[in-house]
Amino acid sequence: MIAYLTGSVTGIDEEKCLLEVQGVGYSVYCSKRSLSALEEKCGNSQNVKLFTQLIHREDSMDLYGFLTKNEYTFFNLLITVSGIGPKQAMKILGSGEVADIVRAITSGDASFLMSVSGIGSKKAQQIILELKEKLIKRFHAAPSSVSPGSQDVISVLLSLGFSPAESREAVEKALSLLEGSDDVSKIIETALKALSSQRAP
């Protein structure tokens, strides 16, 4: 079992980084967010520490890497869900901060998960059903209620190209300003104003 590796990043592609550790190069699968963070360190002598999980199957032996212990823990919970393999778990991890993904699952926010390629409504609901209580215990997450109307607004914002984290934050801000109103059109309007002000130069 390889618990972690510390070395220099010598290469990056769409799914993996090449980590050189004392003259040995390890090909390590990482999430898009992690690869983006590692890109600026590629080619220099700065050491990087990756927590790792070795997945051994009949025809392959792949190494998965994580910049934080929380990412490592969350990944290992995700792959316990029936039908979620390590590659899909990495896609989910790449969709946002671990705290945001945990909050979405514990709140029953299926639209957040459905923004990930390959995750439909049925699979999103399955992830929520199987992981909600585990995540509350493991991450001490307090579930917040997400109304059906709020989920509809988040789905609209996602379809407009906003990220899951941006969409959720904007909806929460809109609900606060509207004092919990369930008028979907007003929530969308207010959320879009909040997003416009954030992106204004």
C-alpha atoms as a PDB file:
ATOM      1  CA  MET A   1       0.000   0.000   0.000  1.00  0.00           C
ATOM      2  CA  ILE A   2       1.380   3.383  -1.062  1.00  0.00           C
ATOM      3  CA  ALA A   3      -0.030   5.947   1.384  1.00  0.00           C
ATOM      4  CA  TYR A   4       1.531   8.992  -0.276  1.00  0.00           C
ATOM      5  CA  LEU A   5       4.281  10.099  -2.637  1.00  0.00           C
ATOM      6  CA  THR A   6       6.481  13.176  -2.454  1.00  0.00           C
ATOM      7  CA  GLY A   7       8.342  14.300  -5.532  1.00  0.00           C
ATOM      8  CA  SER A   8       8.464  16.720  -8.454  1.00  0.00           C
ATOM      9  CA  VAL A   9       5.885  16.962 -11.239  1.00  0.00           C
ATOM     10  CA  THR A  10       7.583  16.338 -14.579  1.00  0.00           C
ATOM     11  CA  GLY A  11       4.545  16.027 -16.830  1.00  0.00           C
ATOM     12  CA  ILE A  12       0.765  16.490 -17.018  1.00  0.00           C
ATOM     13  CA  ASP A  13      -1.898  15.301 -19.446  1.00  0.00           C
ATOM     14  CA  GLU A  14      -5.712  15.360 -19.414  1.00  0.00           C
ATOM     15  CA  GLU A  15      -6.085  12.745 -16.677  1.00  0.00           C
ATOM     16  CA  LYS A  16      -2.707  12.158 -15.064  1.00  0.00           C
ATOM     17  CA  CYS A  17       0.456  13.717 -13.767  1.00  0.00           C
ATOM     18  CA  LEU A  18       3.929  12.200 -13.843  1.00  0.00           C
ATOM     19  CA  LEU A  19       5.524  12.420 -10.410  1.00  0.00           C
ATOM     20  CA  GLU A  20       9.239  11.710 -10.119  1.00  0.00           C
ATOM     21  CA  VAL A  21      10.247  10.311  -6.745  1.00  0.00           C
ATOM     22  CA  GLN A  22      13.966   9.619  -6.249  1.00  0.00           C
ATOM     23  CA  GLY A  23      14.504   8.808  -9.906  1.00  0.00           C
ATOM     24  CA  VAL A  24      11.322   6.748 -10.324  1.00  0.00           C
ATOM     25  CA  GLY A  25       8.420   8.171 -12.362  1.00  0.00           C
ATOM     26  CA  TYR A  26       4.891   7.421 -11.138  1.00  0.00           C
ATOM     27  CA  SER A  27       1.906   7.941 -13.435  1.00  0.00           C
ATOM     28  CA  VAL A  28      -0.873   9.198 -11.154  1.00  0.00           C
ATOM     29  CA  TYR A  29      -4.511   9.878 -12.039  1.00  0.00           C
ATOM     30  CA  CYS A  30      -5.758  13.169 -10.566  1.00  0.00           C
ATOM     31  CA  SER A  31      -8.918  15.262 -10.725  1.00  0.00           C
ATOM     32  CA  LYS A  32      -9.052  18.224 -13.113  1.00  0.00           C
ATOM     33  CA  ARG A  33      -8.890  20.615 -10.159  1.00  0.00           C
ATOM     34  CA  SER A  34      -5.758  18.914  -8.841  1.00  0.00           C
ATOM     35  CA  LEU A  35      -4.122  18.843 -12.282  1.00  0.00           C
ATOM     36  CA  SER A  36      -4.823  22.555 -12.670  1.00  0.00           C
ATOM     37  CA  ALA A  37      -3.150  23.223  -9.314  1.00  0.00           C
ATOM     38  CA  LEU A  38      -0.193  21.003 -10.221  1.00  0.00           C
ATOM     39  CA  GLU A  39       0.333  22.572 -13.639  1.00  0.00           C
ATOM     40  CA  GLU A  40       2.147  25.622 -12.266  1.00  0.00           C
ATOM     41  CA  LYS A  41       4.570  23.310 -10.450  1.00  0.00           C
ATOM     42  CA  CYS A  42       5.302  21.156 -13.480  1.00  0.00           C
ATOM     43  CA  GLY A  43       8.926  21.239 -14.593  1.00  0.00           C
ATOM     44  CA  ASN A  44      10.397  22.879 -11.515  1.00  0.00           C
ATOM     45  CA  SER A  45      12.135  21.267  -8.555  1.00  0.00           C
ATOM     46  CA  GLN A  46       9.421  22.069  -6.027  1.00  0.00           C
ATOM     47  CA  ASN A  47       8.282  18.930  -4.215  1.00  0.00           C
ATOM     48  CA  VAL A  48       4.608  17.975  -4.195  1.00  0.00           C
ATOM     49  CA  LYS A  49       2.926  15.531  -1.803  1.00  0.00           C
ATOM     50  CA  LEU A  50       0.089  13.394  -3.128  1.00  0.00           C
ATOM     51  CA  PHE A  51      -2.001  11.076  -0.969  1.00  0.00           C
ATOM     52  CA  THR A  52      -2.500   7.973  -3.068  1.00  0.00           C
ATOM     53  CA  GLN A  53      -4.872   5.067  -3.566  1.00  0.00           C
ATOM     54  CA  LEU A  54      -3.796   2.008  -5.597  1.00  0.00           C
ATOM     55  CA  ILE A  55      -6.680   0.389  -7.489  1.00  0.00           C
ATOM     56  CA  HIS A  56      -5.816  -3.156  -8.588  1.00  0.00           C
ATOM     57  CA  ARG A  57      -8.014  -4.885 -11.141  1.00  0.00           C
ATOM     58  CA  GLU A  58      -7.589  -7.953 -13.329  1.00  0.00           C
ATOM     59  CA  ASP A  59      -6.208  -6.057 -16.283  1.00  0.00           C
ATOM     60  CA  SER A  60      -4.792  -2.935 -14.663  1.00  0.00           C
ATOM     61  CA  MET A  61      -3.081  -1.415 -11.646  1.00  0.00           C
ATOM     62  CA  ASP A  62      -3.745   2.334 -11.417  1.00  0.00           C
ATOM     63  CA  LEU A  63      -2.575   4.925  -8.929  1.00  0.00           C
ATOM     64  CA  TYR A  64      -4.874   7.817  -7.963  1.00  0.00           C
ATOM     65  CA  GLY A  65      -3.527  10.938  -6.282  1.00  0.00           C
ATOM     66  CA  PHE A  66      -5.008  13.653  -4.077  1.00  0.00           C
ATOM     67  CA  LEU A  67      -3.668  16.969  -2.814  1.00  0.00           C
ATOM     68  CA  THR A  68      -5.595  16.783   0.467  1.00  0.00           C
ATOM     69  CA  LYS A  69      -6.634  14.075   2.903  1.00  0.00           C
ATOM     70  CA  ASN A  70     -10.262  15.163   2.515  1.00  0.00           C
ATOM     71  CA  GLU A  71     -10.122  14.470  -1.234  1.00  0.00           C
ATOM     72  CA  TYR A  72      -8.627  11.039  -0.531  1.00  0.00           C
ATOM     73  CA  THR A  73     -11.322  10.220   2.032  1.00  0.00           C
ATOM     74  CA  PHE A  74     -14.146  11.460  -0.187  1.00  0.00           C
ATOM     75  CA  PHE A  75     -12.837   9.487  -3.193  1.00  0.00           C
ATOM     76  CA  ASN A  76     -12.805   6.258  -1.196  1.00  0.00           C
ATOM     77  CA  LEU A  77     -16.396   6.864  -0.095  1.00  0.00           C
ATOM     78  CA  LEU A  78     -17.510   7.617  -3.654  1.00  0.00           C
ATOM     79  CA  ILE A  79     -16.174   4.345  -5.056  1.00  0.00           C
ATOM     80  CA  THR A  80     -18.250   2.393  -2.512  1.00  0.00           C
ATOM     81  CA  VAL A  81     -21.369   3.524  -4.412  1.00  0.00           C
ATOM     82  CA  SER A  82     -22.552   0.822  -6.805  1.00  0.00           C
ATOM     83  CA  GLY A  83     -21.719   1.776 -10.385  1.00  0.00           C
ATOM     84  CA  ILE A  84     -19.254   4.548  -9.471  1.00  0.00           C
ATOM     85  CA  GLY A  85     -15.763   3.627 -10.593  1.00  0.00           C
ATOM     86  CA  PRO A  86     -12.552   5.505  -9.820  1.00  0.00           C
ATOM     87  CA  LYS A  87     -12.558   7.470 -13.099  1.00  0.00           C
ATOM     88  CA  GLN A  88     -16.107   8.725 -12.505  1.00  0.00           C
ATOM     89  CA  ALA A  89     -15.271   9.487  -8.879  1.00  0.00           C
ATOM     90  CA  MET A  90     -12.429  11.675 -10.156  1.00  0.00           C
ATOM     91  CA  LYS A  91     -14.852  13.533 -12.432  1.00  0.00           C
ATOM     92  CA  ILE A  92     -17.089  14.239  -9.428  1.00  0.00           C
ATOM     93  CA  LEU A  93     -14.084  15.427  -7.405  1.00  0.00           C
ATOM     94  CA  GLY A  94     -13.138  17.752 -10.247  1.00  0.00           C
ATOM     95  CA  SER A  95     -16.545  19.458 -10.153  1.00  0.00           C
ATOM     96  CA  GLY A  96     -15.810  21.596  -7.092  1.00  0.00           C
ATOM     97  CA  GLU A  97     -14.342  21.870  -3.635  1.00  0.00           C
ATOM     98  CA  VAL A  98     -14.901  18.799  -1.460  1.00  0.00           C
ATOM     99  CA  ALA A  99     -16.880  20.924   1.014  1.00  0.00           C
ATOM    100  CA  ASP A 100     -19.266  22.057  -1.750  1.00  0.00           C
ATOM    101  CA  ILE A 101     -19.806  18.508  -3.055  1.00  0.00           C
ATOM    102  CA  VAL A 102     -20.372  17.170   0.460  1.00  0.00           C
ATOM    103  CA  ARG A 103     -22.852  19.983   1.135  1.00  0.00           C
ATOM    104  CA  ALA A 104     -24.734  19.168  -2.079  1.00  0.00           C
ATOM    105  CA  ILE A 105     -25.014  15.466  -1.227  1.00  0.00           C
ATOM    106  CA  THR A 106     -26.016  15.972   2.395  1.00  0.00           C
ATOM    107  CA  SER A 107     -28.602  18.535   1.263  1.00  0.00           C
ATOM    108  CA  GLY A 108     -30.060  16.226  -1.361  1.00  0.00           C
ATOM    109  CA  ASP A 109     -29.059  18.591  -4.171  1.00  0.00           C
ATOM    110  CA  ALA A 110     -29.151  16.212  -7.166  1.00  0.00           C
ATOM    111  CA  SER A 111     -28.735  19.044  -9.694  1.00  0.00           C
ATOM    112  CA  PHE A 112     -25.189  19.685  -8.453  1.00  0.00           C
ATOM    113  CA  LEU A 113     -24.186  16.088  -9.158  1.00  0.00           C
ATOM    114  CA  MET A 114     -26.045  16.033 -12.479  1.00  0.00           C
ATOM    115  CA  SER A 115     -23.748  18.787 -13.747  1.00  0.00           C
ATOM    116  CA  VAL A 116     -20.995  16.145 -13.877  1.00  0.00           C
ATOM    117  CA  SER A 117     -20.702  14.339 -17.214  1.00  0.00           C
ATOM    118  CA  GLY A 118     -22.164  10.847 -16.999  1.00  0.00           C
ATOM    119  CA  ILE A 119     -24.242  11.476 -13.867  1.00  0.00           C
ATOM    120  CA  GLY A 120     -27.972  11.377 -14.545  1.00  0.00           C
ATOM    121  CA  SER A 121     -30.876  11.864 -12.168  1.00  0.00           C
ATOM    122  CA  LYS A 122     -31.034   8.206 -11.114  1.00  0.00           C
ATOM    123  CA  LYS A 123     -27.311   7.986 -10.371  1.00  0.00           C
ATOM    124  CA  ALA A 124     -27.329  11.328  -8.524  1.00  0.00           C
ATOM    125  CA  GLN A 125     -30.163  10.136  -6.283  1.00  0.00           C
ATOM    126  CA  GLN A 126     -28.305   6.877  -5.651  1.00  0.00           C
ATOM    127  CA  ILE A 127     -25.164   8.745  -4.566  1.00  0.00           C
ATOM    128  CA  ILE A 128     -27.225  10.902  -2.200  1.00  0.00           C
ATOM    129  CA  LEU A 129     -29.043   7.871  -0.765  1.00  0.00           C
ATOM    130  CA  GLU A 130     -25.886   5.833  -0.180  1.00  0.00           C
ATOM    131  CA  LEU A 131     -23.536   8.582   1.020  1.00  0.00           C
ATOM    132  CA  LYS A 132     -25.613  11.202   2.822  1.00  0.00           C
ATOM    133  CA  GLU A 133     -25.397   9.708   6.323  1.00  0.00           C
ATOM    134  CA  LYS A 134     -21.788   8.579   5.852  1.00  0.00           C
ATOM    135  CA  LEU A 135     -20.726  12.080   4.855  1.00  0.00           C
ATOM    136  CA  ILE A 136     -22.573  13.704   7.746  1.00  0.00           C
ATOM    137  CA  LYS A 137     -20.659  11.454  10.151  1.00  0.00           C
ATOM    138  CA  ARG A 138     -17.288  11.545   8.416  1.00  0.00           C
ATOM    139  CA  PHE A 139     -17.157  15.254   7.598  1.00  0.00           C
ATOM    140  CA  HIS A 140     -19.381  16.446  10.472  1.00  0.00           C
ATOM    141  CA  ALA A 141     -21.545  18.097   7.822  1.00  0.00           C
ATOM    142  CA  ALA A 142     -24.805  19.701   8.837  1.00  0.00           C
ATOM    143  CA  PRO A 143     -27.355  19.095   6.069  1.00  0.00           C
ATOM    144  CA  SER A 144     -29.171  22.169   4.845  1.00  0.00           C
ATOM    145  CA  SER A 145     -32.586  21.991   3.263  1.00  0.00           C
ATOM    146  CA  VAL A 146     -32.729  22.629  -0.462  1.00  0.00           C
ATOM    147  CA  SER A 147     -36.240  23.246  -1.698  1.00  0.00           C
ATOM    148  CA  PRO A 148     -37.381  21.850  -5.060  1.00  0.00           C
ATOM    149  CA  GLY A 149     -37.654  25.435  -6.293  1.00  0.00           C
ATOM    150  CA  SER A 150     -34.051  26.124  -5.344  1.00  0.00           C
ATOM    151  CA  GLN A 151     -32.906  23.018  -7.187  1.00  0.00           C
ATOM    152  CA  ASP A 152     -34.779  24.212 -10.284  1.00  0.00           C
ATOM    153  CA  VAL A 153     -32.986  27.560 -10.121  1.00  0.00           C
ATOM    154  CA  ILE A 154     -29.605  25.861  -9.691  1.00  0.00           C
ATOM    155  CA  SER A 155     -30.356  23.717 -12.753  1.00  0.00           C
ATOM    156  CA  VAL A 156     -31.164  26.848 -14.777  1.00  0.00           C
ATOM    157  CA  LEU A 157     -27.917  28.534 -13.721  1.00  0.00           C
ATOM    158  CA  LEU A 158     -25.925  25.395 -14.548  1.00  0.00           C
ATOM    159  CA  SER A 159     -27.495  25.348 -18.022  1.00  0.00           C
ATOM    160  CA  LEU A 160     -26.316  28.954 -18.481  1.00  0.00           C
ATOM    161  CA  GLY A 161     -22.733  27.875 -17.883  1.00  0.00           C
ATOM    162  CA  PHE A 162     -22.219  28.824 -14.240  1.00  0.00           C
ATOM    163  CA  SER A 163     -20.331  26.359 -12.049  1.00  0.00           C
ATOM    164  CA  PRO A 164     -22.134  24.292  -9.375  1.00  0.00           C
ATOM    165  CA  ALA A 165     -20.430  26.260  -6.600  1.00  0.00           C
ATOM    166  CA  GLU A 166     -21.270  29.644  -8.169  1.00  0.00           C
ATOM    167  CA  SER A 167     -24.879  28.587  -8.778  1.00  0.00           C
ATOM    168  CA  ARG A 168     -25.455  27.328  -5.267  1.00  0.00           C
ATOM    169  CA  GLU A 169     -23.847  30.386  -3.658  1.00  0.00           C
ATOM    170  CA  ALA A 170     -25.938  32.730  -5.825  1.00  0.00           C
ATOM    171  CA  VAL A 171     -29.172  30.902  -4.954  1.00  0.00           C
ATOM    172  CA  GLU A 172     -28.372  30.991  -1.240  1.00  0.00           C
ATOM    173  CA  LYS A 173     -27.689  34.739  -1.507  1.00  0.00           C
ATOM    174  CA  ALA A 174     -30.918  35.275  -3.450  1.00  0.00           C
ATOM    175  CA  LEU A 175     -32.958  33.354  -0.882  1.00  0.00           C
ATOM    176  CA  SER A 176     -31.422  35.435   1.873  1.00  0.00           C
ATOM    177  CA  LEU A 177     -32.266  38.687   0.087  1.00  0.00           C
ATOM    178  CA  LEU A 178     -35.786  37.489  -0.707  1.00  0.00           C
ATOM    179  CA  GLU A 179     -36.267  36.184   2.836  1.00  0.00           C
ATOM    180  CA  GLY A 180     -36.922  32.608   1.747  1.00  0.00           C
ATOM    181  CA  SER A 181     -39.327  33.376  -1.105  1.00  0.00           C
ATOM    182  CA  ASP A 182     -40.261  30.345  -3.217  1.00  0.00           C
ATOM    183  CA  ASP A 183     -41.016  32.412  -6.331  1.00  0.00           C
ATOM    184  CA  VAL A 184     -38.690  30.705  -8.837  1.00  0.00           C
ATOM    185  CA  SER A 185     -38.650  33.600 -11.321  1.00  0.00           C
ATOM    186  CA  LYS A 186     -37.673  36.101  -8.590  1.00  0.00           C
ATOM    187  CA  ILE A 187     -34.971  33.771  -7.280  1.00  0.00           C
ATOM    188  CA  ILE A 188     -33.504  33.374 -10.788  1.00  0.00           C
ATOM    189  CA  GLU A 189     -33.552  37.141 -11.369  1.00  0.00           C
ATOM    190  CA  THR A 190     -31.901  37.900  -8.030  1.00  0.00           C
ATOM    191  CA  ALA A 191     -29.345  35.111  -8.404  1.00  0.00           C
ATOM    192  CA  LEU A 192     -28.348  36.339 -11.874  1.00  0.00           C
ATOM    193  CA  LYS A 193     -27.901  39.876 -10.530  1.00  0.00           C
ATOM    194  CA  ALA A 194     -25.633  38.479  -7.799  1.00  0.00           C
ATOM    195  CA  LEU A 195     -23.583  36.520 -10.339  1.00  0.00           C
ATOM    196  CA  SER A 196     -23.304  39.549 -12.657  1.00  0.00           C
ATOM    197  CA  SER A 197     -21.991  41.721  -9.831  1.00  0.00           C
ATOM    198  CA  GLN A 198     -19.407  39.064  -8.923  1.00  0.00           C
ATOM    199  CA  ARG A 199     -18.120  38.831 -12.493  1.00  0.00           C
ATOM    200  CA  ALA A 200     -18.146  42.579 -13.146  1.00  0.00           C
ATOM    201  CA  PRO A 201     -14.620  44.012 -13.621  1.00  0.00           C
END
